[in-house]
Amino acid sequence: LEAGEVFVDLGFGIGKVLFQAALTLPLLARGVELSASRRDHAQAAWEVLRRPTVFDEFGAIDGRRPTAFGDGATWPPGTVELLAGDFTESPAGRSSPWSD
């Protein structure tokens, strides 16, 4: 993966792979999940992870804040889009889960 790309996860569960991508690189991590309840849990988790104070509240794995994107970087570097539905069908309001 490279910055600016779109990462797609079909059947994302609670979103861990999408979150890792968006927390690591400035890209769009888009997922489609059949289970609306798993999608809702993932959305709630993403709302916590994307808060600028997440490191103050929970700390980082190694005890340090990420600095790879410099002092002027925004947190998180990437964005997450969580869609509920069957990935073989177009989500509501979209012509396809693959295009913007």
N, C-alpha and C. Protein backbone atom coordinates (compact mmCIF):
# COMPACT_ATOMS: atom_id res chain seq x y z
N LEU A 1 0.84 -1.19 0.00
CA LEU A 1 0.00 0.00 0.00
C LEU A 1 0.87 1.24 0.00
N GLU A 2 0.36 2.28 -0.65
CA GLU A 2 1.05 3.56 -0.68
C GLU A 2 0.07 4.67 -0.32
N ALA A 3 0.61 5.77 0.13
CA ALA A 3 -0.21 6.94 0.46
C ALA A 3 -1.09 7.32 -0.72
N GLY A 4 -2.35 7.66 -0.42
CA GLY A 4 -3.29 8.10 -1.44
C GLY A 4 -4.08 6.99 -2.10
N GLU A 5 -3.74 5.75 -1.85
CA GLU A 5 -4.48 4.64 -2.45
C GLU A 5 -5.75 4.34 -1.66
N VAL A 6 -6.59 3.47 -2.22
CA VAL A 6 -7.79 3.01 -1.54
C VAL A 6 -7.59 1.54 -1.20
N PHE A 7 -7.75 1.22 0.08
CA PHE A 7 -7.65 -0.15 0.56
C PHE A 7 -9.07 -0.64 0.81
N VAL A 8 -9.44 -1.80 0.26
CA VAL A 8 -10.80 -2.34 0.39
C VAL A 8 -10.75 -3.67 1.14
N ASP A 9 -11.64 -3.81 2.12
CA ASP A 9 -11.75 -5.04 2.90
C ASP A 9 -13.20 -5.51 2.83
N LEU A 10 -13.42 -6.66 2.21
CA LEU A 10 -14.77 -7.22 2.09
C LEU A 10 -15.00 -8.17 3.25
N GLY A 11 -16.01 -7.88 4.06
CA GLY A 11 -16.27 -8.66 5.26
C GLY A 11 -15.30 -8.24 6.35
N PHE A 12 -15.31 -6.96 6.70
CA PHE A 12 -14.29 -6.40 7.59
C PHE A 12 -14.49 -6.74 9.06
N GLY A 13 -15.58 -7.40 9.43
CA GLY A 13 -15.78 -7.77 10.83
C GLY A 13 -15.90 -6.56 11.72
N ILE A 14 -14.96 -6.39 12.64
CA ILE A 14 -14.98 -5.20 13.51
C ILE A 14 -13.95 -4.17 13.09
N GLY A 15 -13.35 -4.34 11.90
CA GLY A 15 -12.56 -3.29 11.28
C GLY A 15 -11.09 -3.20 11.60
N LYS A 16 -10.52 -4.20 12.27
CA LYS A 16 -9.13 -4.08 12.72
C LYS A 16 -8.14 -3.86 11.57
N VAL A 17 -8.31 -4.56 10.46
CA VAL A 17 -7.38 -4.41 9.34
C VAL A 17 -7.54 -3.02 8.71
N LEU A 18 -8.78 -2.56 8.57
CA LEU A 18 -9.01 -1.21 8.04
C LEU A 18 -8.38 -0.15 8.94
N PHE A 19 -8.55 -0.30 10.24
CA PHE A 19 -8.01 0.67 11.19
C PHE A 19 -6.49 0.71 11.10
N GLN A 20 -5.86 -0.47 11.01
CA GLN A 20 -4.40 -0.51 10.92
C GLN A 20 -3.92 0.23 9.68
N ALA A 21 -4.60 0.02 8.56
CA ALA A 21 -4.21 0.71 7.33
C ALA A 21 -4.34 2.22 7.48
N ALA A 22 -5.47 2.68 8.00
CA ALA A 22 -5.73 4.12 8.13
C ALA A 22 -4.89 4.78 9.21
N LEU A 23 -4.47 4.02 10.21
CA LEU A 23 -3.64 4.58 11.27
C LEU A 23 -2.16 4.57 10.88
N THR A 24 -1.84 3.87 9.80
CA THR A 24 -0.46 3.76 9.35
C THR A 24 -0.14 4.65 8.17
N LEU A 25 -1.07 4.80 7.24
CA LEU A 25 -0.82 5.55 6.00
C LEU A 25 -1.94 6.54 5.71
N PRO A 26 -1.62 7.63 5.02
CA PRO A 26 -2.68 8.55 4.58
C PRO A 26 -3.39 8.00 3.34
N LEU A 27 -4.37 7.16 3.57
CA LEU A 27 -5.15 6.54 2.50
C LEU A 27 -6.60 6.42 2.93
N LEU A 28 -7.44 5.95 2.01
CA LEU A 28 -8.83 5.66 2.33
C LEU A 28 -8.96 4.16 2.52
N ALA A 29 -9.40 3.75 3.69
CA ALA A 29 -9.65 2.34 3.99
C ALA A 29 -11.16 2.15 3.97
N ARG A 30 -11.64 1.44 2.96
CA ARG A 30 -13.08 1.24 2.77
C ARG A 30 -13.43 -0.22 2.99
N GLY A 31 -14.46 -0.46 3.79
CA GLY A 31 -14.87 -1.82 4.04
C GLY A 31 -16.35 -2.01 3.84
N VAL A 32 -16.74 -3.22 3.46
CA VAL A 32 -18.15 -3.59 3.33
C VAL A 32 -18.38 -4.81 4.22
N GLU A 33 -19.35 -4.72 5.12
CA GLU A 33 -19.65 -5.79 6.08
C GLU A 33 -21.13 -6.13 5.99
N LEU A 34 -21.42 -7.42 5.86
CA LEU A 34 -22.81 -7.88 5.77
C LEU A 34 -23.57 -7.66 7.08
N SER A 35 -22.90 -7.83 8.21
CA SER A 35 -23.54 -7.69 9.52
C SER A 35 -23.60 -6.23 9.95
N ALA A 36 -24.80 -5.70 10.09
CA ALA A 36 -24.96 -4.31 10.53
C ALA A 36 -24.45 -4.11 11.94
N SER A 37 -24.60 -5.11 12.81
CA SER A 37 -24.13 -4.95 14.19
C SER A 37 -22.60 -4.89 14.25
N ARG A 38 -21.92 -5.71 13.44
CA ARG A 38 -20.45 -5.62 13.41
C ARG A 38 -20.01 -4.28 12.85
N ARG A 39 -20.72 -3.79 11.84
CA ARG A 39 -20.41 -2.48 11.29
C ARG A 39 -20.59 -1.40 12.36
N ASP A 40 -21.64 -1.47 13.14
CA ASP A 40 -21.89 -0.49 14.20
C ASP A 40 -20.80 -0.52 15.27
N HIS A 41 -20.36 -1.74 15.64
CA HIS A 41 -19.27 -1.87 16.62
C HIS A 41 -17.97 -1.29 16.05
N ALA A 42 -17.73 -1.54 14.78
CA ALA A 42 -16.52 -1.00 14.14
C ALA A 42 -16.58 0.52 14.10
N GLN A 43 -17.74 1.07 13.79
CA GLN A 43 -17.88 2.54 13.74
C GLN A 43 -17.60 3.14 15.11
N ALA A 44 -18.11 2.52 16.16
CA ALA A 44 -17.86 3.02 17.52
C ALA A 44 -16.37 2.95 17.87
N ALA A 45 -15.71 1.87 17.48
CA ALA A 45 -14.27 1.75 17.74
C ALA A 45 -13.48 2.79 16.98
N TRP A 46 -13.85 3.04 15.72
CA TRP A 46 -13.14 4.05 14.92
C TRP A 46 -13.30 5.45 15.52
N GLU A 47 -14.47 5.74 16.05
CA GLU A 47 -14.68 7.05 16.68
C GLU A 47 -13.72 7.26 17.85
N VAL A 48 -13.40 6.19 18.57
CA VAL A 48 -12.43 6.29 19.67
C VAL A 48 -11.02 6.44 19.11
N LEU A 49 -10.65 5.60 18.17
CA LEU A 49 -9.29 5.59 17.63
C LEU A 49 -8.91 6.88 16.91
N ARG A 50 -9.88 7.55 16.32
CA ARG A 50 -9.55 8.75 15.53
C ARG A 50 -9.46 10.01 16.38
N ARG A 51 -9.77 9.93 17.67
CA ARG A 51 -9.68 11.11 18.53
C ARG A 51 -8.22 11.53 18.67
N PRO A 52 -7.94 12.82 18.59
CA PRO A 52 -6.56 13.29 18.73
C PRO A 52 -5.96 12.96 20.10
N THR A 53 -6.79 12.72 21.10
CA THR A 53 -6.32 12.46 22.46
C THR A 53 -6.16 10.97 22.76
N VAL A 54 -6.29 10.11 21.76
CA VAL A 54 -6.28 8.67 22.00
C VAL A 54 -4.99 8.22 22.69
N PHE A 55 -3.86 8.82 22.36
CA PHE A 55 -2.60 8.41 22.99
C PHE A 55 -2.52 8.87 24.43
N ASP A 56 -3.11 10.03 24.72
CA ASP A 56 -3.15 10.49 26.10
C ASP A 56 -4.04 9.59 26.95
N GLU A 57 -5.12 9.11 26.35
CA GLU A 57 -6.08 8.29 27.08
C GLU A 57 -5.62 6.84 27.25
N PHE A 58 -5.04 6.26 26.21
CA PHE A 58 -4.73 4.84 26.23
C PHE A 58 -3.26 4.50 26.09
N GLY A 59 -2.44 5.46 25.65
CA GLY A 59 -1.03 5.18 25.41
C GLY A 59 -0.83 4.45 24.10
N ALA A 60 0.40 4.38 23.68
CA ALA A 60 0.75 3.66 22.46
C ALA A 60 1.33 2.30 22.83
N ILE A 61 1.40 1.41 21.88
CA ILE A 61 1.89 0.07 22.15
C ILE A 61 3.29 0.12 22.77
N ASP A 62 4.16 0.95 22.21
CA ASP A 62 5.53 1.03 22.73
C ASP A 62 5.72 2.25 23.65
N GLY A 63 4.64 2.91 24.04
CA GLY A 63 4.73 4.04 24.95
C GLY A 63 5.06 5.36 24.30
N ARG A 64 5.20 5.36 22.96
CA ARG A 64 5.54 6.60 22.25
C ARG A 64 4.44 6.96 21.26
N ARG A 65 4.33 8.25 20.99
CA ARG A 65 3.40 8.70 19.96
C ARG A 65 4.05 8.49 18.59
N PRO A 66 3.26 8.21 17.55
CA PRO A 66 3.85 8.09 16.21
C PRO A 66 4.33 9.45 15.73
N THR A 67 5.49 9.48 15.10
CA THR A 67 6.05 10.74 14.60
C THR A 67 6.38 10.67 13.12
N ALA A 68 6.00 9.60 12.46
CA ALA A 68 6.39 9.38 11.07
C ALA A 68 5.90 10.46 10.12
N PHE A 69 4.83 11.15 10.47
CA PHE A 69 4.26 12.12 9.54
C PHE A 69 4.60 13.55 9.93
N GLY A 70 5.46 13.74 10.93
CA GLY A 70 5.91 15.08 11.29
C GLY A 70 4.96 15.79 12.23
N ASP A 71 5.42 16.92 12.74
CA ASP A 71 4.66 17.68 13.73
C ASP A 71 3.38 18.28 13.17
N GLY A 72 3.35 18.62 11.88
CA GLY A 72 2.17 19.26 11.31
C GLY A 72 1.14 18.28 10.76
N ALA A 73 1.38 16.99 10.96
CA ALA A 73 0.48 15.98 10.41
C ALA A 73 -0.82 15.92 11.19
N THR A 74 -1.87 15.54 10.51
CA THR A 74 -3.16 15.37 11.17
C THR A 74 -3.29 13.94 11.67
N TRP A 75 -4.10 13.74 12.68
CA TRP A 75 -4.37 12.40 13.20
C TRP A 75 -5.82 12.05 12.96
N PRO A 76 -6.15 10.91 12.48
CA PRO A 76 -5.24 9.90 11.96
C PRO A 76 -4.79 10.25 10.55
N PRO A 77 -3.72 9.62 10.06
CA PRO A 77 -3.25 9.94 8.71
C PRO A 77 -4.24 9.55 7.63
N GLY A 78 -4.99 8.46 7.83
CA GLY A 78 -5.93 7.99 6.82
C GLY A 78 -7.37 8.15 7.28
N THR A 79 -8.29 7.77 6.40
CA THR A 79 -9.70 7.83 6.72
C THR A 79 -10.31 6.43 6.53
N VAL A 80 -11.40 6.20 7.25
CA VAL A 80 -12.08 4.90 7.17
C VAL A 80 -13.52 5.14 6.75
N GLU A 81 -13.98 4.34 5.82
CA GLU A 81 -15.38 4.37 5.38
C GLU A 81 -15.95 2.97 5.59
N LEU A 82 -16.94 2.85 6.45
CA LEU A 82 -17.53 1.56 6.79
C LEU A 82 -18.93 1.45 6.20
N LEU A 83 -19.12 0.52 5.30
CA LEU A 83 -20.41 0.32 4.64
C LEU A 83 -21.02 -0.99 5.11
N ALA A 84 -22.32 -1.00 5.33
CA ALA A 84 -23.03 -2.21 5.70
C ALA A 84 -23.82 -2.70 4.50
N GLY A 85 -23.75 -4.00 4.24
CA GLY A 85 -24.51 -4.57 3.15
C GLY A 85 -23.76 -5.68 2.46
N ASP A 86 -24.33 -6.17 1.40
CA ASP A 86 -23.76 -7.24 0.60
C ASP A 86 -22.83 -6.61 -0.43
N PHE A 87 -21.55 -7.00 -0.44
CA PHE A 87 -20.60 -6.36 -1.35
C PHE A 87 -20.88 -6.67 -2.81
N THR A 88 -21.76 -7.65 -3.10
CA THR A 88 -22.11 -7.93 -4.49
C THR A 88 -23.19 -6.98 -4.99
N GLU A 89 -23.76 -6.20 -4.08
CA GLU A 89 -24.78 -5.21 -4.44
C GLU A 89 -24.25 -3.82 -4.13
N SER A 90 -24.79 -2.82 -4.77
CA SER A 90 -24.35 -1.45 -4.54
C SER A 90 -24.91 -0.94 -3.22
N PRO A 91 -24.04 -0.41 -2.34
CA PRO A 91 -24.53 0.19 -1.09
C PRO A 91 -25.42 1.39 -1.37
N ALA A 92 -26.31 1.69 -0.44
CA ALA A 92 -27.23 2.82 -0.61
C ALA A 92 -26.46 4.10 -0.92
N GLY A 93 -26.90 4.81 -1.94
CA GLY A 93 -26.29 6.09 -2.28
C GLY A 93 -25.01 5.98 -3.09
N ARG A 94 -24.61 4.78 -3.49
CA ARG A 94 -23.37 4.60 -4.25
C ARG A 94 -23.67 3.77 -5.49
N SER A 95 -22.96 4.06 -6.55
CA SER A 95 -23.13 3.25 -7.75
C SER A 95 -22.41 1.92 -7.61
N SER A 96 -21.38 1.89 -6.74
CA SER A 96 -20.59 0.67 -6.53
C SER A 96 -19.74 0.86 -5.29
N PRO A 97 -19.40 -0.22 -4.58
CA PRO A 97 -18.50 -0.07 -3.44
C PRO A 97 -17.06 0.23 -3.87
N TRP A 98 -16.79 0.08 -5.19
CA TRP A 98 -15.42 0.21 -5.69
C TRP A 98 -15.08 1.61 -6.15
N SER A 99 -16.06 2.42 -6.43
CA SER A 99 -15.77 3.77 -6.97
C SER A 99 -16.30 4.84 -6.04
N ASP A 100 -15.76 6.04 -6.19
CA ASP A 100 -16.19 7.16 -5.36
C ASP A 100 -17.29 7.90 -5.97
